[in-house]
Amino acid sequence: MPEAILSVRNLKTYFFTYAGVVRALEGIDLDIYKGETLGLVGETGCGKSVTSLSIMRLVPDPPGKIVGGEIMYKGEDLLKKSEEEMQQIRGSKITMVFQDPMTFLNPVLTIGDQVSEVIALHEDLARDVVRSRIDEVEEAIKQLDSSSSDRERLMNRLKELEALKDSPPKFSRRELKKAALRRTIEVLKLVQMPSPEKAVKQYPHELSGGMRQRAIIAMALSCSPDLLIADEPTTSLDVTIQAQILQLLSELKKKIGSSILIITHDMGIVAEICDRVGVMYAGNVIEAAQTKALFKNPLHPYTQGLLKAIPKLHRDVQELEIIPGSVPNLIYPPSGCRFHPRCPFRMNICDKEFPSFIEIEPGHSVACYLYTEKKT
């Protein structure tokens, strides 16, 4: 297997409410490898978004709190880092695209100002200005020759170039802002924003839904992060724009080499762009596999139910199959395997203790007593 960019181990996140303790994540394990797209799927309320917020250390406190586990990023546990250290990681090393861009874009700031702010916070803009000036001087030197009339100007330019490389000057706020704006236009071009020079001067309400989502993706990718978390990135978009955004994410992953964690309830999105997929149910990851392997041979009864509920174009049916019952109340979750009240293969042991997450075949793991020897 390739190198793991992020490893989550036994992560537990609870919400302490007046009604009781909501055990939103109950000991999940998750690996995200370098250069891959991992899909995290499951029905509403299973803990997908809480997982992403926990990784980013953005769980609202109160009432939420990460009460246990590890989130290992490049050998360091993010749960042990201070808020100041996390601020340096968010937006530069690990970034997030949210499902409703209007909620997360400031309505009184232009798109250019908002993307530039991220760049200014995490990038060395002075270096960009120096690089730009060096390019200008080098281009000017090319235009000069060694004739006596140009010799003095040539020597002055060479001295200027040497000074820029040896001891870069301090730059004004205006010059740094210009550099940030140039970078903003470049990253908007990267996400295929129509007329990026015009878009930087516009406010969020002046853009379409797809353009706003591109602006959010531009903010997330402006510093070439190691990991991009996309939480339902196409939910509020029409089908045509959804396809464009998904294609854009796939292309950007190849261009900048980032890994992607995409959170969705749409198995069609998973089939289209994900290399691997993890299936969540009621705060637990209950199956993980390569995407093709999961669709070809789903192991967990819940995963089987999800796939059976998808309409088949080649099959004429009157009614789709459903998973009986409803999602459990996570204040009073079922004992043992949380899916056992709805499971058609329930055994006596299922309500006594949660099954171990075991590898059944290379790269395909499941938490279910159907695949263990302990079937009493």
Protein backbone atom coordinates (compact mmCIF):
# COMPACT_ATOMS: atom_id res chain seq x y z
CA MET A 1 0.00 0.00 0.00
CA PRO A 2 1.18 3.61 -0.58
CA GLU A 3 2.08 5.95 2.25
CA ALA A 4 -0.78 6.93 4.57
CA ILE A 5 -1.25 10.72 4.65
CA LEU A 6 -3.70 10.47 7.57
CA SER A 7 -4.50 7.64 9.98
CA VAL A 8 -7.46 7.78 12.35
CA ARG A 9 -7.48 5.30 15.22
CA ASN A 10 -10.27 4.60 17.72
CA LEU A 11 -11.68 8.12 17.30
CA LYS A 12 -14.55 8.98 19.64
CA THR A 13 -16.53 12.21 19.40
CA TYR A 14 -19.49 12.87 21.71
CA PHE A 15 -22.02 15.69 21.98
CA PHE A 16 -23.10 16.51 25.52
CA THR A 17 -26.70 17.73 25.26
CA TYR A 18 -29.53 18.31 27.72
CA ALA A 19 -31.20 15.14 26.44
CA GLY A 20 -28.09 13.05 27.01
CA VAL A 21 -24.71 12.16 25.50
CA VAL A 22 -24.84 11.67 21.73
CA ARG A 23 -22.14 9.14 20.82
CA ALA A 24 -21.66 10.42 17.28
CA LEU A 25 -18.36 8.59 16.65
CA GLU A 26 -17.67 5.45 18.62
CA GLY A 27 -14.12 4.34 17.91
CA ILE A 28 -13.66 4.66 14.14
CA ASP A 29 -10.52 3.61 12.24
CA LEU A 30 -9.67 5.18 8.89
CA ASP A 31 -6.64 5.47 6.62
CA ILE A 32 -6.23 7.95 3.76
CA TYR A 33 -3.33 7.17 1.42
CA LYS A 34 -1.19 9.52 -0.62
CA GLY A 35 -2.72 10.44 -3.96
CA GLU A 36 -5.99 8.56 -3.50
CA THR A 37 -9.64 9.57 -3.36
CA LEU A 38 -11.44 7.94 -0.44
CA GLY A 39 -15.22 8.04 -0.30
CA LEU A 40 -17.01 7.98 3.04
CA VAL A 41 -20.65 6.94 2.64
CA GLY A 42 -23.66 6.25 4.79
CA GLU A 43 -27.13 7.57 5.50
CA THR A 44 -27.84 10.92 7.14
CA GLY A 45 -26.79 11.00 10.79
CA CYS A 46 -24.20 8.22 10.59
CA GLY A 47 -21.29 10.51 11.51
CA LYS A 48 -19.67 11.34 8.16
CA SER A 49 -19.57 15.11 8.65
CA VAL A 50 -18.58 14.75 12.32
CA THR A 51 -15.63 12.67 11.13
CA SER A 52 -14.46 15.48 8.84
CA LEU A 53 -14.94 18.14 11.53
CA SER A 54 -13.04 15.98 14.02
CA ILE A 55 -10.10 15.63 11.62
CA MET A 56 -10.05 19.41 11.19
CA ARG A 57 -10.50 19.95 14.95
CA LEU A 58 -13.61 22.06 14.21
CA VAL A 59 -16.15 20.19 16.35
CA PRO A 60 -18.18 22.92 18.10
CA ASP A 61 -17.30 22.90 21.81
CA PRO A 62 -19.69 22.96 23.57
CA PRO A 63 -21.57 20.71 23.07
CA GLY A 64 -19.17 18.52 21.06
CA LYS A 65 -15.90 17.05 22.26
CA ILE A 66 -13.35 14.57 20.94
CA VAL A 67 -13.04 12.24 23.92
CA GLY A 68 -10.55 9.69 22.63
CA GLY A 69 -8.43 8.29 19.83
CA GLU A 70 -5.67 9.50 17.55
CA ILE A 71 -5.54 11.46 14.29
CA MET A 72 -2.04 10.91 12.96
CA TYR A 73 -0.78 13.26 10.25
CA LYS A 74 2.81 12.71 9.12
CA GLY A 75 3.65 10.98 12.38
CA GLU A 76 2.11 13.64 14.64
CA ASP A 77 -1.17 13.42 16.54
CA LEU A 78 -3.38 16.37 15.60
CA LEU A 79 -5.34 15.95 18.84
CA LYS A 80 -2.23 16.93 20.82
CA LYS A 81 -1.59 20.14 18.89
CA SER A 82 -2.51 23.59 20.17
CA GLU A 83 -5.12 25.73 18.44
CA GLU A 84 -2.35 27.97 17.05
CA GLU A 85 -0.61 24.96 15.53
CA MET A 86 -3.90 23.73 14.04
CA GLN A 87 -4.49 27.13 12.44
CA GLN A 88 -1.22 26.70 10.55
CA ILE A 89 -2.29 23.24 9.35
CA ARG A 90 -5.85 24.18 8.36
CA GLY A 91 -5.94 25.83 4.98
CA SER A 92 -2.36 24.90 4.10
CA LYS A 93 -1.86 21.17 4.80
CA ILE A 94 -5.43 19.94 5.34
CA THR A 95 -8.32 21.88 3.83
CA MET A 96 -12.07 21.45 3.56
CA VAL A 97 -14.79 22.16 1.00
CA PHE A 98 -18.23 22.53 2.57
CA GLN A 99 -21.53 21.56 1.00
CA ASP A 100 -23.23 24.98 1.03
CA PRO A 101 -20.86 27.69 -0.25
CA MET A 102 -23.26 30.54 0.63
CA THR A 103 -22.95 29.56 4.30
CA PHE A 104 -19.16 29.80 4.31
CA LEU A 105 -18.51 32.73 1.95
CA ASN A 106 -18.63 36.18 3.53
CA PRO A 107 -21.40 38.12 1.72
CA VAL A 108 -19.73 41.53 2.26
CA LEU A 109 -16.29 40.62 0.87
CA THR A 110 -15.38 40.03 -2.76
CA ILE A 111 -14.27 36.59 -3.93
CA GLY A 112 -10.80 38.02 -4.55
CA ASP A 113 -10.50 39.29 -0.98
CA GLN A 114 -11.60 35.97 0.50
CA VAL A 115 -9.27 33.77 -1.55
CA SER A 116 -6.40 36.27 -1.11
CA GLU A 117 -6.84 36.14 2.66
CA VAL A 118 -6.12 32.41 2.71
CA ILE A 119 -3.06 32.87 0.50
CA ALA A 120 -1.75 35.77 2.59
CA LEU A 121 -2.20 33.77 5.80
CA HIS A 122 -0.28 30.68 4.71
CA GLU A 123 2.01 31.65 1.83
CA ASP A 124 5.24 33.70 1.69
CA LEU A 125 4.07 36.53 -0.56
CA ALA A 126 7.35 38.44 -0.20
CA ARG A 127 9.05 35.53 -1.95
CA ASP A 128 6.55 35.84 -4.78
CA VAL A 129 7.25 39.57 -5.13
CA VAL A 130 11.01 38.92 -5.17
CA ARG A 131 10.57 36.21 -7.80
CA SER A 132 8.44 38.55 -9.91
CA ARG A 133 11.02 41.36 -9.65
CA ILE A 134 13.88 39.01 -10.50
CA ASP A 135 11.98 37.87 -13.59
CA GLU A 136 11.46 41.50 -14.62
CA VAL A 137 15.15 42.36 -14.16
CA GLU A 138 16.31 39.23 -16.00
CA GLU A 139 14.00 40.08 -18.89
CA ALA A 140 15.35 43.65 -18.96
CA ILE A 141 18.94 42.32 -19.02
CA LYS A 142 18.09 40.19 -22.05
CA GLN A 143 17.01 43.32 -23.89
CA LEU A 144 20.39 45.00 -23.28
CA ASP A 145 23.62 44.22 -25.09
CA SER A 146 27.24 44.72 -24.15
CA SER A 147 27.75 47.81 -26.31
CA SER A 148 29.22 50.88 -24.66
CA SER A 149 25.88 52.71 -24.70
CA ASP A 150 24.15 49.94 -22.70
CA ARG A 151 27.08 48.84 -20.56
CA GLU A 152 26.32 51.13 -17.62
CA ARG A 153 22.63 50.20 -17.62
CA LEU A 154 23.60 46.55 -17.87
CA MET A 155 25.93 46.80 -14.87
CA ASN A 156 23.23 48.57 -12.85
CA ARG A 157 20.70 45.85 -13.69
CA LEU A 158 23.18 43.12 -12.73
CA LYS A 159 23.80 44.83 -9.39
CA GLU A 160 20.05 45.12 -8.84
CA LEU A 161 19.63 41.41 -9.61
CA GLU A 162 22.42 40.45 -7.21
CA ALA A 163 20.90 42.60 -4.45
CA LEU A 164 17.48 41.00 -4.91
CA LYS A 165 18.94 37.52 -4.59
CA ASP A 166 21.26 38.28 -1.65
CA SER A 167 19.10 40.52 0.55
CA PRO A 168 15.48 40.86 -0.57
CA PRO A 169 13.99 44.23 0.42
CA LYS A 170 10.90 44.74 2.53
CA PHE A 171 7.77 45.28 0.52
CA SER A 172 4.80 47.53 1.05
CA ARG A 173 1.39 46.19 1.95
CA ARG A 174 0.17 47.28 -1.48
CA GLU A 175 2.82 45.20 -3.26
CA LEU A 176 2.00 42.14 -1.15
CA LYS A 177 -1.72 42.57 -1.83
CA LYS A 178 -0.99 42.70 -5.57
CA ALA A 179 0.99 39.48 -5.28
CA ALA A 180 -1.88 37.81 -3.43
CA LEU A 181 -4.31 38.97 -6.12
CA ARG A 182 -2.10 37.52 -8.86
CA ARG A 183 -2.01 34.19 -7.03
CA THR A 184 -5.78 34.36 -6.57
CA ILE A 185 -6.37 34.79 -10.30
CA GLU A 186 -4.01 31.87 -10.99
CA VAL A 187 -5.86 29.53 -8.62
CA LEU A 188 -9.26 30.62 -9.98
CA LYS A 189 -7.98 29.71 -13.44
CA LEU A 190 -6.89 26.35 -12.01
CA VAL A 191 -10.46 25.59 -10.90
CA GLN A 192 -11.77 26.73 -14.30
CA MET A 193 -13.63 29.77 -12.99
CA PRO A 194 -15.17 31.70 -15.92
CA SER A 195 -13.53 35.15 -16.32
CA PRO A 196 -11.37 34.97 -13.15
CA GLU A 197 -10.20 38.60 -13.55
CA LYS A 198 -13.84 39.64 -13.29
CA ALA A 199 -14.77 37.10 -10.60
CA VAL A 200 -12.20 38.46 -8.10
CA LYS A 201 -14.15 41.74 -8.02
CA GLN A 202 -17.56 40.10 -7.53
CA TYR A 203 -19.47 39.27 -4.35
CA PRO A 204 -20.83 35.78 -3.61
CA HIS A 205 -24.45 36.72 -4.46
CA GLU A 206 -23.30 37.74 -7.95
CA LEU A 207 -22.05 34.23 -8.75
CA SER A 208 -23.97 31.10 -9.69
CA GLY A 209 -23.98 28.07 -7.38
CA GLY A 210 -21.33 26.31 -9.44
CA MET A 211 -19.10 29.39 -9.50
CA ARG A 212 -19.42 29.81 -5.72
CA GLN A 213 -18.42 26.17 -5.26
CA ARG A 214 -15.42 26.73 -7.53
CA ALA A 215 -14.46 29.71 -5.37
CA ILE A 216 -14.61 27.51 -2.24
CA ILE A 217 -12.49 24.86 -3.96
CA ALA A 218 -10.02 27.57 -5.02
CA MET A 219 -9.68 28.68 -1.38
CA ALA A 220 -9.10 25.08 -0.31
CA LEU A 221 -6.48 24.42 -2.99
CA SER A 222 -4.70 27.78 -2.94
CA CYS A 223 -1.84 26.42 -0.82
CA SER A 224 -1.56 22.96 -2.49
CA PRO A 225 -2.68 20.93 0.56
CA ASP A 226 -1.77 17.31 1.24
CA LEU A 227 -5.41 16.44 1.97
CA LEU A 228 -8.64 17.96 0.71
CA ILE A 229 -11.84 17.05 2.56
CA ALA A 230 -14.98 17.58 0.46
CA ASP A 231 -18.18 17.37 2.50
CA GLU A 232 -21.11 16.77 0.12
CA PRO A 233 -19.54 19.18 -2.41
CA THR A 234 -22.31 18.78 -5.02
CA THR A 235 -25.47 18.57 -2.88
CA SER A 236 -26.92 22.00 -3.75
CA LEU A 237 -25.97 21.89 -7.44
CA ASP A 238 -27.90 20.70 -10.46
CA VAL A 239 -26.84 17.50 -12.21
CA THR A 240 -24.81 19.16 -14.98
CA ILE A 241 -22.80 21.30 -12.53
CA GLN A 242 -22.36 18.29 -10.22
CA ALA A 243 -20.62 16.43 -13.04
CA GLN A 244 -18.38 19.44 -13.74
CA ILE A 245 -17.36 19.78 -10.07
CA LEU A 246 -16.60 16.04 -9.76
CA GLN A 247 -14.51 16.11 -12.92
CA LEU A 248 -12.72 19.21 -11.63
CA LEU A 249 -11.83 17.49 -8.34
CA SER A 250 -10.43 14.49 -10.22
CA GLU A 251 -8.32 16.70 -12.49
CA LEU A 252 -7.03 18.84 -9.62
CA LYS A 253 -6.00 15.77 -7.64
CA LYS A 254 -3.71 14.78 -10.52
CA LYS A 255 -2.34 18.31 -11.00
CA ILE A 256 -1.43 19.13 -7.40
CA GLY A 257 -1.01 15.60 -6.02
CA SER A 258 -3.43 15.98 -3.10
CA SER A 259 -5.37 13.18 -1.49
CA ILE A 260 -9.15 13.64 -1.28
CA LEU A 261 -11.66 12.51 1.32
CA ILE A 262 -15.11 12.92 -0.21
CA ILE A 263 -18.13 12.61 2.06
CA THR A 264 -21.37 11.67 0.36
CA HIS A 265 -24.51 9.57 0.50
CA ASP A 266 -24.51 9.15 -3.28
CA MET A 267 -23.08 5.80 -4.37
CA GLY A 268 -22.98 7.09 -7.95
CA ILE A 269 -20.38 9.71 -6.95
CA VAL A 270 -18.37 7.00 -5.19
CA ALA A 271 -18.42 4.77 -8.28
CA GLU A 272 -17.33 7.65 -10.49
CA ILE A 273 -14.34 9.20 -8.71
CA CYS A 274 -13.32 7.19 -5.61
CA ASP A 275 -10.41 4.74 -5.44
CA ARG A 276 -11.51 3.30 -2.10
CA VAL A 277 -14.65 3.60 -0.01
CA GLY A 278 -15.48 3.38 3.68
CA VAL A 279 -19.05 2.66 4.77
CA MET A 280 -20.31 4.20 8.01
CA TYR A 281 -23.29 3.26 10.13
CA ALA A 282 -24.33 4.92 13.40
CA GLY A 283 -20.89 6.24 14.30
CA ASN A 284 -18.83 3.25 13.15
CA VAL A 285 -16.92 2.36 10.00
CA ILE A 286 -18.32 -1.08 9.23
CA GLU A 287 -16.66 -1.85 5.86
CA ALA A 288 -13.74 -0.53 3.77
CA ALA A 289 -12.55 -1.71 0.37
CA GLN A 290 -11.43 -0.77 -3.10
CA THR A 291 -14.43 0.75 -4.89
CA LYS A 292 -14.72 -1.98 -7.53
CA ALA A 293 -14.42 -4.70 -4.88
CA LEU A 294 -17.13 -3.13 -2.73
CA PHE A 295 -19.62 -2.88 -5.60
CA LYS A 296 -18.81 -6.38 -6.83
CA ASN A 297 -18.78 -8.12 -3.46
CA PRO A 298 -20.29 -6.11 -0.56
CA LEU A 299 -19.77 -8.03 2.67
CA HIS A 300 -21.64 -6.21 5.44
CA PRO A 301 -25.45 -6.62 5.42
CA TYR A 302 -25.83 -2.83 5.63
CA THR A 303 -23.62 -2.28 2.57
CA GLN A 304 -25.61 -4.95 0.73
CA GLY A 305 -28.82 -3.11 1.63
CA LEU A 306 -27.43 0.22 0.38
CA LEU A 307 -26.49 -1.23 -2.99
CA LYS A 308 -29.78 -3.09 -3.40
CA ALA A 309 -31.64 0.21 -2.90
CA ILE A 310 -30.00 1.70 -6.01
CA PRO A 311 -32.24 1.53 -9.13
CA LYS A 312 -30.90 -0.80 -11.84
CA LEU A 313 -31.28 0.34 -15.44
CA HIS A 314 -31.28 -3.22 -16.76
CA ARG A 315 -33.95 -4.48 -14.34
CA ASP A 316 -37.64 -3.64 -14.35
CA VAL A 317 -38.94 -3.56 -10.75
CA GLN A 318 -42.11 -2.14 -9.22
CA GLU A 319 -40.53 -1.24 -5.87
CA LEU A 320 -36.95 -0.71 -4.71
CA GLU A 321 -35.63 -2.83 -1.88
CA ILE A 322 -35.33 -1.06 1.45
CA ILE A 323 -33.46 -1.55 4.71
CA PRO A 324 -36.15 -2.19 7.35
CA GLY A 325 -36.29 -0.13 10.53
CA SER A 326 -34.71 3.27 11.15
CA VAL A 327 -31.40 4.80 12.22
CA PRO A 328 -30.86 4.29 15.97
CA ASN A 329 -30.92 7.08 18.54
CA LEU A 330 -27.24 7.66 19.33
CA ILE A 331 -28.07 8.82 22.86
CA TYR A 332 -29.30 5.27 23.52
CA PRO A 333 -27.56 3.22 20.80
CA PRO A 334 -28.13 -0.53 20.52
CA SER A 335 -25.66 -2.72 22.37
CA GLY A 336 -23.14 -4.73 20.38
CA CYS A 337 -23.31 -4.19 16.64
CA ARG A 338 -25.42 -1.08 16.13
CA PHE A 339 -26.97 -2.54 12.97
CA HIS A 340 -28.27 -5.72 14.60
CA PRO A 341 -31.91 -4.51 15.13
CA ARG A 342 -32.24 -4.09 11.34
CA CYS A 343 -30.05 -6.98 10.21
CA PRO A 344 -31.62 -9.98 8.42
CA PHE A 345 -28.66 -12.17 9.50
CA ARG A 346 -28.71 -11.30 13.20
CA MET A 347 -27.14 -13.85 15.57
CA ASN A 348 -27.18 -14.12 19.36
CA ILE A 349 -23.74 -12.56 19.75
CA CYS A 350 -24.59 -9.49 17.65
CA ASP A 351 -26.28 -7.59 20.50
CA LYS A 352 -23.60 -8.47 23.07
CA GLU A 353 -20.41 -6.88 21.74
CA PHE A 354 -19.24 -4.94 18.71
CA PRO A 355 -17.41 -7.13 16.15
CA SER A 356 -13.76 -6.54 15.38
CA PHE A 357 -12.82 -4.79 12.14
CA ILE A 358 -11.00 -7.58 10.29
CA GLU A 359 -9.46 -7.95 6.83
CA ILE A 360 -11.28 -10.65 4.86
CA GLU A 361 -9.20 -10.28 1.71
CA PRO A 362 -6.36 -7.91 0.76
CA GLY A 363 -7.65 -4.35 1.10
CA HIS A 364 -11.20 -5.42 2.04
CA SER A 365 -12.13 -5.22 5.74
CA VAL A 366 -15.46 -5.58 7.54
CA ALA A 367 -16.88 -5.51 11.06
CA CYS A 368 -19.42 -8.34 11.09
CA TYR A 369 -19.77 -11.67 12.90
CA LEU A 370 -20.75 -13.38 9.64
CA TYR A 371 -17.03 -13.40 8.83
CA THR A 372 -15.59 -14.48 12.16
CA GLU A 373 -15.41 -17.82 13.91
CA LYS A 374 -17.22 -16.37 16.92
CA LYS A 375 -20.83 -17.12 15.89
CA THR A 376 -22.39 -18.34 19.12
